[in-house]
Amino acid sequence: MATFKAVVVTKGEAGTTAALSTFDDADLMDGDVTVRVSHSTLNYKDGLALTGKAPVVRRFPMIPGIDFAGIVETSSHSDFKPGDAVLLNGWGTGETHLGAYAERTRVKGDWLVPLPAGLSAAEAMAIGTAGYTAMLCVMALQRHGIGPERGPVVVTGASGGVGSVATALLAKRGYQVIASTGRSQEADYLKGLGAVEIISRDELSGPAKPLAKERWAGGVDSVGSHTLANVLSMTRYGGAVAACGLAQGMDLPTTVAPFILRGVSLLGIDSVMAPKALRLDAWAQLARDLDRDKLAAMTTTIPLEAVIEAGEAILSGRVRGRVVVTID
C-alpha cells in the first residue's frame, strides 16, 4: 500500500500539533483526480492552520496547504487526463479537505485550473492564493471604474504576499501606488515593485475618523479592522476599496459616512469559492501581466520540511512577499 510524505496537523488535549509524517494513499479523501504535487506556497491562512492560532482546520487529522501545482496521475474527470499540469487555490483544501503540503492529493476536478501557458509550477505557486487574490482585487476595482486616471490607490500590508503582488500589478497597469507597510526597511523593495510612495502603517492602524482628508481613489486592503476603516475614511468621492484580509482583525470600526456622504464602495473579495470562469480570467491575466522579474524579486523558496517554522514566521510579520514550498 503506497505511502507518501506530508505535513499533518493533529489535535489533542493540549491543542493542535503539526509534524512531517508519512501518510497513506488509502486515507486520501474522495475526488475524481489524483495529483502528484510538485510545489505549494505559504499564505497567512496556512500559517494559522500550521500553528493552530485560529480555528482554520475543521477536521483532523488534516494536511494543511490551500494551494498546489502538480501533474495529474489519475483522473475520471472529463477535463483532465494523466500528465496534465494543473493548479488549485482554495475550495476548502487545507481546512476541510486534505491539502497541499503532501506529495500526493486527491480532489474534485471541478476545483482544478490548467496551469497557464508560460507559467512554471514554481511561478504559479510564487503567485499562489495571495497573488490570485490580488488580481481579483485589481479586477474588481477596474470593474467599478477605478482606473489610473482616477488618482492614486493605496495598498495596505504592502510587503506581504497579497500586497506585494497587488503593488506590482497595479503599477504595471499605470496606477500610482501608495504602499502602506509596518516595515520601513522594505521601502526599496516596494519601490522596486512599482510603488511611488511609502507610508507607515501607523498612519492607518489607529481609530479612524468618520471622514478624513481624501487621499486616494481606491485601495486594496488585506488588513481589516482600524486600517480598513481609515482607508475608507480617506477614499475620494466615488472611490472603492477591495477588501480581502484580516491581518489586524475581523472587525470594521467605521461609520456609514464614507458610503453615504462620499459614495465610497466596499468591494468584498472571496478567493476560496470564486467561480471557475473568474479564476480562469484571473490566472490568464496573471500569466500575461505579472512581471516575472518582479515576481522573482518577491519570492523565496523553502523545502517542505521548513514549512512549519515558516508558518510561525508569517504570522509574526517576518515573511516578505511570497514563499514557494517545494514538495517533490
C-alpha atoms as a PDB file:
ATOM      1  CA  MET A   1       0.000   0.000   0.000  1.00  0.00           C
ATOM      2  CA  ALA A   2       1.541   3.325  -1.134  1.00  0.00           C
ATOM      3  CA  THR A   3       2.593   5.974   1.341  1.00  0.00           C
ATOM      4  CA  PHE A   4       3.922   9.482   0.848  1.00  0.00           C
ATOM      5  CA  LYS A   5       5.426  12.376   2.780  1.00  0.00           C
ATOM      6  CA  ALA A   6       3.100  15.025   4.219  1.00  0.00           C
ATOM      7  CA  VAL A   7       2.789  17.644   6.934  1.00  0.00           C
ATOM      8  CA  VAL A   8      -0.080  16.519   9.161  1.00  0.00           C
ATOM      9  CA  VAL A   9      -1.938  18.559  11.784  1.00  0.00           C
ATOM     10  CA  THR A  10      -3.437  16.555  14.641  1.00  0.00           C
ATOM     11  CA  LYS A  11      -5.484  17.616  17.646  1.00  0.00           C
ATOM     12  CA  GLY A  12      -5.001  16.537  21.240  1.00  0.00           C
ATOM     13  CA  GLU A  13      -5.923  17.729  24.696  1.00  0.00           C
ATOM     14  CA  ALA A  14      -3.209  20.413  24.581  1.00  0.00           C
ATOM     15  CA  GLY A  15      -4.311  21.719  21.180  1.00  0.00           C
ATOM     16  CA  THR A  16      -3.104  21.135  17.635  1.00  0.00           C
ATOM     17  CA  THR A  17       0.312  19.927  16.523  1.00  0.00           C
ATOM     18  CA  ALA A  18       1.875  19.972  13.049  1.00  0.00           C
ATOM     19  CA  ALA A  19       4.573  17.457  12.103  1.00  0.00           C
ATOM     20  CA  LEU A  20       6.176  15.999   8.991  1.00  0.00           C
ATOM     21  CA  SER A  21       4.746  12.476   8.716  1.00  0.00           C
ATOM     22  CA  THR A  22       4.084   9.558   6.417  1.00  0.00           C
ATOM     23  CA  PHE A  23       0.566   9.422   5.023  1.00  0.00           C
ATOM     24  CA  ASP A  24      -1.253   6.527   3.402  1.00  0.00           C
ATOM     25  CA  ASP A  25      -2.899   6.675  -0.026  1.00  0.00           C
ATOM     26  CA  ALA A  26      -5.856   4.792   1.430  1.00  0.00           C
ATOM     27  CA  ASP A  27      -6.594   7.752   3.702  1.00  0.00           C
ATOM     28  CA  LEU A  28      -6.889  10.322   0.916  1.00  0.00           C
ATOM     29  CA  MET A  29     -10.330  11.889   0.599  1.00  0.00           C
ATOM     30  CA  ASP A  30     -12.845  11.426  -2.201  1.00  0.00           C
ATOM     31  CA  GLY A  31     -12.195  13.060  -5.540  1.00  0.00           C
ATOM     32  CA  ASP A  32     -12.028  12.251  -9.222  1.00  0.00           C
ATOM     33  CA  VAL A  33      -8.465  13.500  -9.839  1.00  0.00           C
ATOM     34  CA  THR A  34      -5.257  12.425  -8.075  1.00  0.00           C
ATOM     35  CA  VAL A  35      -2.343  14.844  -8.417  1.00  0.00           C
ATOM     36  CA  ARG A  36       1.367  14.402  -7.784  1.00  0.00           C
ATOM     37  CA  VAL A  37       2.166  17.701  -6.089  1.00  0.00           C
ATOM     38  CA  SER A  38       5.402  19.436  -7.052  1.00  0.00           C
ATOM     39  CA  HIS A  39       5.013  22.870  -5.430  1.00  0.00           C
ATOM     40  CA  SER A  40       2.891  24.681  -2.897  1.00  0.00           C
ATOM     41  CA  THR A  41       3.148  28.036  -1.164  1.00  0.00           C
ATOM     42  CA  LEU A  42       2.666  29.775   2.174  1.00  0.00           C
ATOM     43  CA  ASN A  43      -0.259  32.103   2.854  1.00  0.00           C
ATOM     44  CA  TYR A  44      -1.395  33.784   6.066  1.00  0.00           C
ATOM     45  CA  LYS A  45      -4.206  31.229   6.351  1.00  0.00           C
ATOM     46  CA  ASP A  46      -1.643  28.418   6.074  1.00  0.00           C
ATOM     47  CA  GLY A  47       0.228  29.947   8.994  1.00  0.00           C
ATOM     48  CA  LEU A  48      -2.962  29.887  11.060  1.00  0.00           C
ATOM     49  CA  ALA A  49      -3.561  26.241  10.155  1.00  0.00           C
ATOM     50  CA  LEU A  50       0.015  25.168  10.916  1.00  0.00           C
ATOM     51  CA  THR A  51       0.138  26.917  14.283  1.00  0.00           C
ATOM     52  CA  GLY A  52      -3.450  26.431  15.424  1.00  0.00           C
ATOM     53  CA  LYS A  53      -3.701  30.138  16.310  1.00  0.00           C
ATOM     54  CA  ALA A  54      -7.136  30.329  14.669  1.00  0.00           C
ATOM     55  CA  PRO A  55      -9.706  27.563  14.013  1.00  0.00           C
ATOM     56  CA  VAL A  56      -8.918  27.299  10.305  1.00  0.00           C
ATOM     57  CA  VAL A  57      -8.713  23.493  10.316  1.00  0.00           C
ATOM     58  CA  ARG A  58     -12.174  21.917  10.599  1.00  0.00           C
ATOM     59  CA  ARG A  59     -11.320  18.188  10.596  1.00  0.00           C
ATOM     60  CA  PHE A  60      -8.448  16.123  11.963  1.00  0.00           C
ATOM     61  CA  PRO A  61      -6.030  14.789  11.011  1.00  0.00           C
ATOM     62  CA  MET A  62      -5.515  17.435   8.335  1.00  0.00           C
ATOM     63  CA  ILE A  63      -2.857  18.076   5.724  1.00  0.00           C
ATOM     64  CA  PRO A  64      -2.714  21.893   5.525  1.00  0.00           C
ATOM     65  CA  GLY A  65      -1.885  23.942   2.443  1.00  0.00           C
ATOM     66  CA  ILE A  66      -4.505  25.791   0.388  1.00  0.00           C
ATOM     67  CA  ASP A  67      -2.547  25.936  -2.914  1.00  0.00           C
ATOM     68  CA  PHE A  68      -0.744  23.424  -5.071  1.00  0.00           C
ATOM     69  CA  ALA A  69       0.641  22.852  -8.530  1.00  0.00           C
ATOM     70  CA  GLY A  70       1.442  19.450  -9.938  1.00  0.00           C
ATOM     71  CA  ILE A  71       0.811  16.743 -12.509  1.00  0.00           C
ATOM     72  CA  VAL A  72      -2.330  14.633 -12.821  1.00  0.00           C
ATOM     73  CA  GLU A  73      -1.637  10.981 -12.028  1.00  0.00           C
ATOM     74  CA  THR A  74      -5.150   9.552 -12.449  1.00  0.00           C
ATOM     75  CA  SER A  75      -8.432  11.121 -13.485  1.00  0.00           C
ATOM     76  CA  SER A  76     -12.030  10.175 -14.158  1.00  0.00           C
ATOM     77  CA  HIS A  77     -12.922  13.836 -14.793  1.00  0.00           C
ATOM     78  CA  SER A  78     -13.629  14.737 -18.407  1.00  0.00           C
ATOM     79  CA  ASP A  79     -11.450  17.873 -18.364  1.00  0.00           C
ATOM     80  CA  PHE A  80      -8.235  16.242 -17.173  1.00  0.00           C
ATOM     81  CA  LYS A  81      -6.023  13.303 -18.091  1.00  0.00           C
ATOM     82  CA  PRO A  82      -2.797  11.855 -16.675  1.00  0.00           C
ATOM     83  CA  GLY A  83       0.137  14.117 -17.402  1.00  0.00           C
ATOM     84  CA  ASP A  84      -1.816  17.381 -17.353  1.00  0.00           C
ATOM     85  CA  ALA A  85      -0.222  20.249 -15.425  1.00  0.00           C
ATOM     86  CA  VAL A  86      -2.744  21.772 -13.019  1.00  0.00           C
ATOM     87  CA  LEU A  87      -3.061  24.114 -10.076  1.00  0.00           C
ATOM     88  CA  LEU A  88      -5.572  24.657  -7.289  1.00  0.00           C
ATOM     89  CA  ASN A  89      -6.446  27.546  -4.981  1.00  0.00           C
ATOM     90  CA  GLY A  90      -8.867  27.262  -2.087  1.00  0.00           C
ATOM     91  CA  TRP A  91     -12.086  25.218  -2.178  1.00  0.00           C
ATOM     92  CA  GLY A  92     -11.518  24.265   1.472  1.00  0.00           C
ATOM     93  CA  THR A  93      -8.273  22.363   0.878  1.00  0.00           C
ATOM     94  CA  GLY A  94      -6.164  22.502   3.997  1.00  0.00           C
ATOM     95  CA  GLU A  95      -9.291  23.291   6.024  1.00  0.00           C
ATOM     96  CA  THR A  96     -11.976  20.666   5.395  1.00  0.00           C
ATOM     97  CA  HIS A  97     -10.285  18.709   2.578  1.00  0.00           C
ATOM     98  CA  LEU A  98      -6.761  17.270   2.779  1.00  0.00           C
ATOM     99  CA  GLY A  99      -4.460  19.898   1.371  1.00  0.00           C
ATOM    100  CA  ALA A 100      -1.261  20.691  -0.421  1.00  0.00           C
ATOM    101  CA  TYR A 101       1.659  20.051   1.947  1.00  0.00           C
ATOM    102  CA  ALA A 102       1.992  16.498   0.681  1.00  0.00           C
ATOM    103  CA  GLU A 103       3.488  14.611  -2.239  1.00  0.00           C
ATOM    104  CA  ARG A 104       0.041  13.490  -3.370  1.00  0.00           C
ATOM    105  CA  THR A 105      -3.538  14.735  -3.117  1.00  0.00           C
ATOM    106  CA  ARG A 106      -6.964  13.746  -4.420  1.00  0.00           C
ATOM    107  CA  VAL A 107      -9.523  16.451  -5.225  1.00  0.00           C
ATOM    108  CA  LYS A 108     -12.555  17.227  -7.345  1.00  0.00           C
ATOM    109  CA  GLY A 109     -11.630  18.031 -10.912  1.00  0.00           C
ATOM    110  CA  ASP A 110     -14.023  20.974 -10.873  1.00  0.00           C
ATOM    111  CA  TRP A 111     -11.636  22.657  -8.410  1.00  0.00           C
ATOM    112  CA  LEU A 112      -8.642  22.467 -10.721  1.00  0.00           C
ATOM    113  CA  VAL A 113      -7.370  25.030 -13.206  1.00  0.00           C
ATOM    114  CA  PRO A 114      -4.972  24.116 -16.040  1.00  0.00           C
ATOM    115  CA  LEU A 115      -1.525  25.566 -15.471  1.00  0.00           C
ATOM    116  CA  PRO A 116      -1.500  28.668 -17.730  1.00  0.00           C
ATOM    117  CA  ALA A 117       0.824  28.563 -20.714  1.00  0.00           C
ATOM    118  CA  GLY A 118       4.081  30.340 -19.980  1.00  0.00           C
ATOM    119  CA  LEU A 119       3.944  29.778 -16.216  1.00  0.00           C
ATOM    120  CA  SER A 120       6.015  27.131 -14.489  1.00  0.00           C
ATOM    121  CA  ALA A 121       4.628  25.306 -11.471  1.00  0.00           C
ATOM    122  CA  ALA A 122       7.055  27.208  -9.254  1.00  0.00           C
ATOM    123  CA  GLU A 123       5.956  30.561 -10.705  1.00  0.00           C
ATOM    124  CA  ALA A 124       2.294  29.640 -10.258  1.00  0.00           C
ATOM    125  CA  MET A 125       2.926  28.955  -6.588  1.00  0.00           C
ATOM    126  CA  ALA A 126       5.002  32.118  -6.247  1.00  0.00           C
ATOM    127  CA  ILE A 127       1.723  33.770  -7.214  1.00  0.00           C
ATOM    128  CA  GLY A 128      -0.487  31.383  -5.210  1.00  0.00           C
ATOM    129  CA  THR A 129      -3.704  32.360  -3.491  1.00  0.00           C
ATOM    130  CA  ALA A 130      -2.150  35.639  -2.338  1.00  0.00           C
ATOM    131  CA  GLY A 131      -1.340  36.726  -5.898  1.00  0.00           C
ATOM    132  CA  TYR A 132      -4.542  35.333  -7.355  1.00  0.00           C
ATOM    133  CA  THR A 133      -6.493  37.239  -4.675  1.00  0.00           C
ATOM    134  CA  ALA A 134      -4.551  40.397  -5.513  1.00  0.00           C
ATOM    135  CA  MET A 135      -5.596  40.017  -9.140  1.00  0.00           C
ATOM    136  CA  LEU A 136      -9.239  39.560  -8.101  1.00  0.00           C
ATOM    137  CA  CYS A 137      -8.930  42.842  -6.175  1.00  0.00           C
ATOM    138  CA  VAL A 138      -7.460  44.678  -9.162  1.00  0.00           C
ATOM    139  CA  MET A 139     -10.155  43.275 -11.454  1.00  0.00           C
ATOM    140  CA  ALA A 140     -12.874  44.370  -9.008  1.00  0.00           C
ATOM    141  CA  LEU A 141     -11.518  47.928  -8.855  1.00  0.00           C
ATOM    142  CA  GLN A 142     -11.398  48.127 -12.630  1.00  0.00           C
ATOM    143  CA  ARG A 143     -14.951  46.749 -12.990  1.00  0.00           C
ATOM    144  CA  HIS A 144     -16.008  49.524 -10.611  1.00  0.00           C
ATOM    145  CA  GLY A 145     -14.412  52.127 -12.864  1.00  0.00           C
ATOM    146  CA  ILE A 146     -11.368  52.879 -10.706  1.00  0.00           C
ATOM    147  CA  GLY A 147      -8.770  53.340 -13.437  1.00  0.00           C
ATOM    148  CA  PRO A 148      -5.349  55.009 -13.190  1.00  0.00           C
ATOM    149  CA  GLU A 149      -6.845  58.310 -14.328  1.00  0.00           C
ATOM    150  CA  ARG A 150      -8.948  58.494 -11.147  1.00  0.00           C
ATOM    151  CA  GLY A 151      -5.916  59.035  -8.943  1.00  0.00           C
ATOM    152  CA  PRO A 152      -3.605  57.080  -6.648  1.00  0.00           C
ATOM    153  CA  VAL A 153      -4.530  53.809  -4.966  1.00  0.00           C
ATOM    154  CA  VAL A 154      -3.369  52.581  -1.578  1.00  0.00           C
ATOM    155  CA  VAL A 155      -2.211  49.032  -0.832  1.00  0.00           C
ATOM    156  CA  THR A 156      -2.127  48.006   2.835  1.00  0.00           C
ATOM    157  CA  GLY A 157       0.098  45.236   4.129  1.00  0.00           C
ATOM    158  CA  ALA A 158       2.142  46.044   1.057  1.00  0.00           C
ATOM    159  CA  SER A 159       5.207  43.970   1.877  1.00  0.00           C
ATOM    160  CA  GLY A 160       3.119  40.821   2.423  1.00  0.00           C
ATOM    161  CA  GLY A 161       2.003  38.364  -0.228  1.00  0.00           C
ATOM    162  CA  VAL A 162      -1.231  40.000  -1.386  1.00  0.00           C
ATOM    163  CA  GLY A 163       0.245  43.469  -1.046  1.00  0.00           C
ATOM    164  CA  SER A 164       3.419  42.708  -2.983  1.00  0.00           C
ATOM    165  CA  VAL A 165       1.575  41.252  -5.961  1.00  0.00           C
ATOM    166  CA  ALA A 166      -1.108  43.957  -5.863  1.00  0.00           C
ATOM    167  CA  THR A 167       1.582  46.640  -5.902  1.00  0.00           C
ATOM    168  CA  ALA A 168       3.317  45.077  -8.909  1.00  0.00           C
ATOM    169  CA  LEU A 169       0.060  44.507 -10.811  1.00  0.00           C
ATOM    170  CA  LEU A 170      -1.306  47.997 -10.211  1.00  0.00           C
ATOM    171  CA  ALA A 171       1.985  49.656 -11.121  1.00  0.00           C
ATOM    172  CA  LYS A 172       2.161  47.605 -14.337  1.00  0.00           C
ATOM    173  CA  ARG A 173      -1.304  48.914 -15.258  1.00  0.00           C
ATOM    174  CA  GLY A 174      -0.303  52.520 -14.770  1.00  0.00           C
ATOM    175  CA  TYR A 175      -1.603  53.254 -11.274  1.00  0.00           C
ATOM    176  CA  GLN A 176       0.218  55.449  -8.780  1.00  0.00           C
ATOM    177  CA  VAL A 177       0.578  53.072  -5.845  1.00  0.00           C
ATOM    178  CA  ILE A 178       0.851  54.272  -2.253  1.00  0.00           C
ATOM    179  CA  ALA A 179       2.231  51.331  -0.264  1.00  0.00           C
ATOM    180  CA  SER A 180       1.457  51.064   3.445  1.00  0.00           C
ATOM    181  CA  THR A 181       3.813  48.884   5.486  1.00  0.00           C
ATOM    182  CA  GLY A 182       4.973  48.428   9.043  1.00  0.00           C
ATOM    183  CA  ARG A 183       8.474  47.617   7.854  1.00  0.00           C
ATOM    184  CA  SER A 184      10.267  50.803   6.831  1.00  0.00           C
ATOM    185  CA  GLN A 185      13.285  48.756   5.758  1.00  0.00           C
ATOM    186  CA  GLU A 186      11.203  47.392   2.878  1.00  0.00           C
ATOM    187  CA  ALA A 187      10.858  50.789   1.171  1.00  0.00           C
ATOM    188  CA  ASP A 188      13.370  49.991  -1.573  1.00  0.00           C
ATOM    189  CA  TYR A 189      11.759  46.590  -2.120  1.00  0.00           C
ATOM    190  CA  LEU A 190       8.316  48.175  -2.570  1.00  0.00           C
ATOM    191  CA  LYS A 191       9.630  50.913  -4.846  1.00  0.00           C
ATOM    192  CA  GLY A 192      11.237  48.159  -6.912  1.00  0.00           C
ATOM    193  CA  LEU A 193       7.782  46.634  -7.326  1.00  0.00           C
ATOM    194  CA  GLY A 194       6.450  49.966  -8.574  1.00  0.00           C
ATOM    195  CA  ALA A 195       5.221  51.908  -5.522  1.00  0.00           C
ATOM    196  CA  VAL A 196       5.642  55.683  -5.848  1.00  0.00           C
ATOM    197  CA  GLU A 197       5.099  56.484  -2.160  1.00  0.00           C
ATOM    198  CA  ILE A 198       5.637  54.550   1.071  1.00  0.00           C
ATOM    199  CA  ILE A 199       3.634  55.349   4.215  1.00  0.00           C
ATOM    200  CA  SER A 200       3.866  53.828   7.671  1.00  0.00           C
ATOM    201  CA  ARG A 201       1.068  51.529   8.726  1.00  0.00           C
ATOM    202  CA  ASP A 202       0.918  53.634  11.911  1.00  0.00           C
ATOM    203  CA  GLU A 203      -0.866  56.291   9.851  1.00  0.00           C
ATOM    204  CA  LEU A 204      -3.761  53.869   9.340  1.00  0.00           C
ATOM    205  CA  SER A 205      -3.740  51.475  12.287  1.00  0.00           C
ATOM    206  CA  GLY A 206      -5.363  53.667  14.952  1.00  0.00           C
ATOM    207  CA  PRO A 207      -9.038  54.584  15.441  1.00  0.00           C
ATOM    208  CA  ALA A 208     -10.498  56.212  12.323  1.00  0.00           C
ATOM    209  CA  LYS A 209     -12.392  59.465  11.969  1.00  0.00           C
ATOM    210  CA  PRO A 210     -15.808  59.141  10.270  1.00  0.00           C
ATOM    211  CA  LEU A 211     -14.330  61.147   7.388  1.00  0.00           C
ATOM    212  CA  ALA A 212     -10.723  62.205   6.899  1.00  0.00           C
ATOM    213  CA  LYS A 213      -8.897  64.116   4.185  1.00  0.00           C
ATOM    214  CA  GLU A 214      -9.391  62.498   0.779  1.00  0.00           C
ATOM    215  CA  ARG A 215      -6.128  60.858  -0.268  1.00  0.00           C
ATOM    216  CA  TRP A 216      -6.791  58.097  -2.801  1.00  0.00           C
ATOM    217  CA  ALA A 217      -9.289  56.922  -5.403  1.00  0.00           C
ATOM    218  CA  GLY A 218      -9.240  53.321  -4.257  1.00  0.00           C
ATOM    219  CA  GLY A 219      -7.386  50.678  -2.380  1.00  0.00           C
ATOM    220  CA  VAL A 220      -6.528  47.046  -1.840  1.00  0.00           C
ATOM    221  CA  ASP A 221      -6.758  46.066   1.824  1.00  0.00           C
ATOM    222  CA  SER A 222      -5.596  42.784   3.333  1.00  0.00           C
ATOM    223  CA  VAL A 223      -5.535  44.039   6.931  1.00  0.00           C
ATOM    224  CA  GLY A 224      -9.097  44.852   8.016  1.00  0.00           C
ATOM    225  CA  SER A 225     -10.091  46.436  11.356  1.00  0.00           C
ATOM    226  CA  HIS A 226      -8.941  50.036  12.022  1.00  0.00           C
ATOM    227  CA  THR A 227      -6.723  50.017   8.942  1.00  0.00           C
ATOM    228  CA  LEU A 228      -9.633  49.364   6.590  1.00  0.00           C
ATOM    229  CA  ALA A 229     -11.740  51.937   8.469  1.00  0.00           C
ATOM    230  CA  ASN A 230      -9.043  54.569   7.907  1.00  0.00           C
ATOM    231  CA  VAL A 231      -8.622  53.636   4.253  1.00  0.00           C
ATOM    232  CA  LEU A 232     -12.377  54.071   3.721  1.00  0.00           C
ATOM    233  CA  SER A 233     -12.439  57.412   5.543  1.00  0.00           C
ATOM    234  CA  MET A 234      -9.664  58.727   3.269  1.00  0.00           C
ATOM    235  CA  THR A 235     -11.094  57.470  -0.026  1.00  0.00           C
ATOM    236  CA  ARG A 236     -12.123  60.121  -2.542  1.00  0.00           C
ATOM    237  CA  TYR A 237     -15.682  60.719  -3.649  1.00  0.00           C
ATOM    238  CA  GLY A 238     -16.985  57.797  -5.722  1.00  0.00           C
ATOM    239  CA  GLY A 239     -13.955  55.647  -4.944  1.00  0.00           C
ATOM    240  CA  ALA A 240     -13.808  51.982  -3.994  1.00  0.00           C
ATOM    241  CA  VAL A 241     -11.783  49.697  -1.749  1.00  0.00           C
ATOM    242  CA  ALA A 242     -11.322  45.956  -2.352  1.00  0.00           C
ATOM    243  CA  ALA A 243     -11.107  44.118   0.980  1.00  0.00           C
ATOM    244  CA  CYS A 244      -9.673  40.619   1.160  1.00  0.00           C
ATOM    245  CA  GLY A 245      -7.962  40.075   4.522  1.00  0.00           C
ATOM    246  CA  LEU A 246      -7.975  40.362   8.293  1.00  0.00           C
ATOM    247  CA  ALA A 247      -4.369  40.553   9.467  1.00  0.00           C
ATOM    248  CA  GLN A 248      -5.251  43.273  12.000  1.00  0.00           C
ATOM    249  CA  GLY A 249      -8.680  41.879  12.826  1.00  0.00           C
ATOM    250  CA  MET A 250     -12.105  40.822  11.587  1.00  0.00           C
ATOM    251  CA  ASP A 251     -13.852  43.882  12.986  1.00  0.00           C
ATOM    252  CA  LEU A 252     -14.601  47.037  10.989  1.00  0.00           C
ATOM    253  CA  PRO A 253     -14.931  50.003  13.384  1.00  0.00           C
ATOM    254  CA  THR A 254     -16.238  52.560  10.917  1.00  0.00           C
ATOM    255  CA  THR A 255     -19.384  54.608  10.261  1.00  0.00           C
ATOM    256  CA  VAL A 256     -21.691  54.919   7.292  1.00  0.00           C
ATOM    257  CA  ALA A 257     -20.182  58.348   6.495  1.00  0.00           C
ATOM    258  CA  PRO A 258     -17.821  57.248   3.687  1.00  0.00           C
ATOM    259  CA  PHE A 259     -20.632  55.347   1.995  1.00  0.00           C
ATOM    260  CA  ILE A 260     -23.454  57.912   2.191  1.00  0.00           C
ATOM    261  CA  LEU A 261     -21.507  61.178   2.083  1.00  0.00           C
ATOM    262  CA  ARG A 262     -18.785  60.280  -0.429  1.00  0.00           C
ATOM    263  CA  GLY A 263     -20.374  57.386  -2.289  1.00  0.00           C
ATOM    264  CA  VAL A 264     -17.468  55.089  -1.446  1.00  0.00           C
ATOM    265  CA  SER A 265     -17.929  51.392  -2.237  1.00  0.00           C
ATOM    266  CA  LEU A 266     -16.514  48.488  -0.235  1.00  0.00           C
ATOM    267  CA  LEU A 267     -15.840  45.532  -2.537  1.00  0.00           C
ATOM    268  CA  GLY A 268     -15.625  42.189  -0.775  1.00  0.00           C
ATOM    269  CA  ILE A 269     -13.206  39.731  -2.386  1.00  0.00           C
ATOM    270  CA  ASP A 270     -13.545  35.970  -1.875  1.00  0.00           C
ATOM    271  CA  SER A 271     -10.945  33.759  -3.481  1.00  0.00           C
ATOM    272  CA  VAL A 272     -11.842  30.431  -1.857  1.00  0.00           C
ATOM    273  CA  MET A 273     -15.158  29.713  -3.597  1.00  0.00           C
ATOM    274  CA  ALA A 274     -14.830  32.007  -6.618  1.00  0.00           C
ATOM    275  CA  PRO A 275     -16.439  30.504  -9.748  1.00  0.00           C
ATOM    276  CA  LYS A 276     -14.198  28.812 -12.263  1.00  0.00           C
ATOM    277  CA  ALA A 277     -14.765  31.366 -15.028  1.00  0.00           C
ATOM    278  CA  LEU A 278     -13.473  34.139 -12.764  1.00  0.00           C
ATOM    279  CA  ARG A 279     -10.478  32.007 -11.759  1.00  0.00           C
ATOM    280  CA  LEU A 280      -9.574  31.290 -15.373  1.00  0.00           C
ATOM    281  CA  ASP A 281      -9.780  35.000 -16.210  1.00  0.00           C
ATOM    282  CA  ALA A 282      -7.641  35.965 -13.213  1.00  0.00           C
ATOM    283  CA  TRP A 283      -4.967  33.374 -13.990  1.00  0.00           C
ATOM    284  CA  ALA A 284      -4.889  34.330 -17.670  1.00  0.00           C
ATOM    285  CA  GLN A 285      -4.274  37.955 -16.695  1.00  0.00           C
ATOM    286  CA  LEU A 286      -1.624  36.970 -14.160  1.00  0.00           C
ATOM    287  CA  ALA A 287       0.228  34.904 -16.757  1.00  0.00           C
ATOM    288  CA  ARG A 288       0.069  37.801 -19.198  1.00  0.00           C
ATOM    289  CA  ASP A 289       0.681  40.842 -16.998  1.00  0.00           C
ATOM    290  CA  LEU A 290       2.755  39.944 -13.949  1.00  0.00           C
ATOM    291  CA  ASP A 291       6.398  40.886 -14.464  1.00  0.00           C
ATOM    292  CA  ARG A 292       8.451  37.711 -13.937  1.00  0.00           C
ATOM    293  CA  ASP A 293      11.470  39.639 -12.680  1.00  0.00           C
ATOM    294  CA  LYS A 294       9.328  41.371 -10.041  1.00  0.00           C
ATOM    295  CA  LEU A 295       7.765  38.032  -9.141  1.00  0.00           C
ATOM    296  CA  ALA A 296      11.217  36.538  -8.639  1.00  0.00           C
ATOM    297  CA  ALA A 297      12.282  39.542  -6.541  1.00  0.00           C
ATOM    298  CA  MET A 298       9.403  38.984  -4.107  1.00  0.00           C
ATOM    299  CA  THR A 299       9.849  35.186  -3.836  1.00  0.00           C
ATOM    300  CA  THR A 300      11.856  32.888  -1.594  1.00  0.00           C
ATOM    301  CA  THR A 301      11.857  29.081  -1.758  1.00  0.00           C
ATOM    302  CA  ILE A 302      11.849  26.566   1.078  1.00  0.00           C
ATOM    303  CA  PRO A 303      11.565  22.761   1.280  1.00  0.00           C
ATOM    304  CA  LEU A 304       8.503  21.056   2.743  1.00  0.00           C
ATOM    305  CA  GLU A 305      10.497  20.326   5.907  1.00  0.00           C
ATOM    306  CA  ALA A 306      10.740  24.058   6.657  1.00  0.00           C
ATOM    307  CA  VAL A 307       7.087  24.994   6.227  1.00  0.00           C
ATOM    308  CA  ILE A 308       6.058  24.544   9.881  1.00  0.00           C
ATOM    309  CA  GLU A 309       8.649  27.073  11.067  1.00  0.00           C
ATOM    310  CA  ALA A 310       7.674  29.368   8.190  1.00  0.00           C
ATOM    311  CA  GLY A 311       4.069  29.265   9.390  1.00  0.00           C
ATOM    312  CA  GLU A 312       5.152  30.885  12.653  1.00  0.00           C
ATOM    313  CA  ALA A 313       7.180  33.471  10.744  1.00  0.00           C
ATOM    314  CA  ILE A 314       4.339  34.634   8.504  1.00  0.00           C
ATOM    315  CA  LEU A 315       2.053  35.260  11.475  1.00  0.00           C
ATOM    316  CA  SER A 316       4.688  37.346  13.231  1.00  0.00           C
ATOM    317  CA  GLY A 317       5.243  39.529  10.158  1.00  0.00           C
ATOM    318  CA  ARG A 318       8.682  38.139   9.343  1.00  0.00           C
ATOM    319  CA  VAL A 319       7.869  36.995   5.801  1.00  0.00           C
ATOM    320  CA  ARG A 320       8.341  39.371   2.892  1.00  0.00           C
ATOM    321  CA  GLY A 321       6.486  38.766  -0.339  1.00  0.00           C
ATOM    322  CA  ARG A 322       5.858  35.201  -1.418  1.00  0.00           C
ATOM    323  CA  VAL A 323       7.198  31.804  -0.304  1.00  0.00           C
ATOM    324  CA  VAL A 324       7.298  28.782  -2.621  1.00  0.00           C
ATOM    325  CA  VAL A 325       7.317  25.355  -0.953  1.00  0.00           C
ATOM    326  CA  THR A 326       8.987  22.612  -2.983  1.00  0.00           C
ATOM    327  CA  ILE A 327       7.223  19.299  -2.383  1.00  0.00           C
ATOM    328  CA  ASP A 328       8.620  16.786  -4.858  1.00  0.00           C
END
